[in-house]
Every structure is written in C-alpha cells, then in structure tokens.
C-alpha cells in the first residue's frame, strides 16, 4: 500500500520536477541560504504589493522577514518549497494557532519563530513526502504584534512589529516626534510606555523611571541624544507608547513689554523671572506688587496666586515656578497710566484681566 502511495506522489510532482530541471542554471542561485544566515524572501507580486500599500498597519517594508519574528494568530504567511512551485501557498494563522498545509494538514505555528517553523516543515515534509526540502517563509501581513503610539508623534496609530524593535525604531515607524515649528507645541520632555504585564527584571537606566508597576517614564532628550549611553528599551506587542505634549506658559498684561506664549520643550517648568525675561521684561508702568499667577486645579477651576514681582527682583521673595497652562498676569499701574493720559492702557489692563479671570 505504501508503495502505491509513493508512486502516486512521484506522478504528482513529476511535472514540477521536470520543469525545474530545464530552468536556466542561474535560477539555481536563487535558492535559500543556510539556516545560520538571515532568512530573506522573494519580492512580492504586484498583487501583493498593492494589498500591502492599502494596509494602514504596514509601517515598514515587508520584503524581508526577520528569522526571530514570533508568529501569532491572524498573521498571513507565504510558504514556498524550493524547486516545487506547486507546493507554494499563502495561509492565515487561525485563532487556534495552526495553519493548514498540503500533505501535512493542520500544523502548529503560533509561538514559533519563522526559523523554527521552517525547520519543523522541512523535517515533516522530508520524513515521508519530499527529499531534502528547502523551505522559505515570508510573513506577508503582520497582525499579531500590535503596538499603539499616541500623543505628539507625526502619525499616531496602531502599528505592527515585524520583529524586535527598540523604542527609537518604533518612534520612526510613526514618523518621529512632532516639532513646535509645525504650529503646535511639539513633543514634551517625556514619553511613557504602558505595559499590561508590567516591567519585571528591568535594569536601571539613566533617564528611565518606573512611575507605576505597568508604566515607564522615559526622558526623551536622553533617549535621543545620549548616543550609545542612552536607554535602550525593547518594545513588546500590546505596548502603549504615549509621547507627552510640551507644556505652555502664558505671560500677559500691560505690565510686560511683549506678552508671550512660551513652549516648555525640554523642561517641566520655568520661574517667574525666566518667563519675564522671555517677555522682554517689565514696562515702566508695571504694577510689580500686584502680579498674579492664574492656575487651573484638577477640577478645572481657576485659582489666583498673588505674587510681588518687585520683592522677587530684589531677592526678598522666592521666585515661584510656572507649570503647564499657568498664566503670569502682570497688570500696568492704572494710576500711572491715567496720569500719562493713557486711558486705553487702563482699559486694556481690565480687559486682559477679565479674559483670564474665571
């Protein structure tokens, strides 16, 4: 019975083997490399290229499959056997983690790297059906390793990890960080990585703080500009990466020469004197002892914090900090303004105060 089965297989593949024997010799150079080399695949067909270009989740070129990529449910694989085109097939990994292949039926794929699956298929096909089969595996569509990027990145969204990637490589998939030159405030000082499984066995790194069991805070400046000494964090599937927006501080009122919106690009806060310096200092009519910091609390209510800029300038009072969305309001001296016949200035003082007053 086994003899009849083998004869049937010989008849089944005779056409393919005969065709391959008369191919130009140069075609044989296209065979797969050894197992110790990085596995590559052939270029996709035009139909495959069209499908890949329409996929919003395809963020990186998919003509190379990393042999360390771990296969998961919903991934689409193209499996090819060298010199046997009739064995080539494209399969989707089912929710139970299996793929269905010719001659073999259901085969376990989930949890294996592409290199491990390649070895398993070569062994299974070579045992009873094919002589020394050379298998190549190409991941046509990645669906099993999503990572989310939100916040101040150029293209926020859901991306698939085609293989091991660190945080800088994943940020590049989203087009990088936004810049203040684009009109918005740009990226802030920190990004956060939220991982449901937590960060067990995390090695201490400069610029990286564990702010919660499942959340890391990463200093963006140290991440990008510390060269080889910077933090190297590997991103895992289902990670949520949030890039903070740069904070904004507002300096307003007739008591400052150039009212300004100040972007806190690489810092969390600035002092009152630093903010006044950006606003080109005080006017001659500034009511230095009647300045205020307007700040919204967690409930959204605006609160006022009176400060004496004159005392701060003389070193007799602490120079308070201004954080994101704080408003430094320095009014002009109404008495001096009216004394100089500048009623418009006095009206401007009142209008500016009412804009930021609750």
Foldseek 3Di string as FASTA:
>chain_A
DLVVVQVVLCVVCVVLLVVLVPPDPVVVVPAFDDLVDFAFADDDDPVLVVVLVPDPQELDDQRGAGQQFFDAAQWKKWKDWPSRRVQTDIWGQHNVQWTQGPPPGTDHRGGHGQSVVQVVVQCVCCPRHDPRIHMGMGGSDADGFWEFEDAFAQAGDIYHDSHKDWPVRVSVSRVHGHPVVVPFLTFAQKKKKFDPVFDPPDDDAPQWDDPDRGMIIGGVCQQPPVPPRGDTGIDGGPIYMYTYGWFWEWEDEQQFQATDIDTNHNDFKDWPVVVSVVSVHTDPQWPQQAKWKWDADPVRAIDIDGDRNVCVVVVNDDGDIDGGPIYIYIYGNPVVCVVVVNVVSVVRRVVVCVVRHD
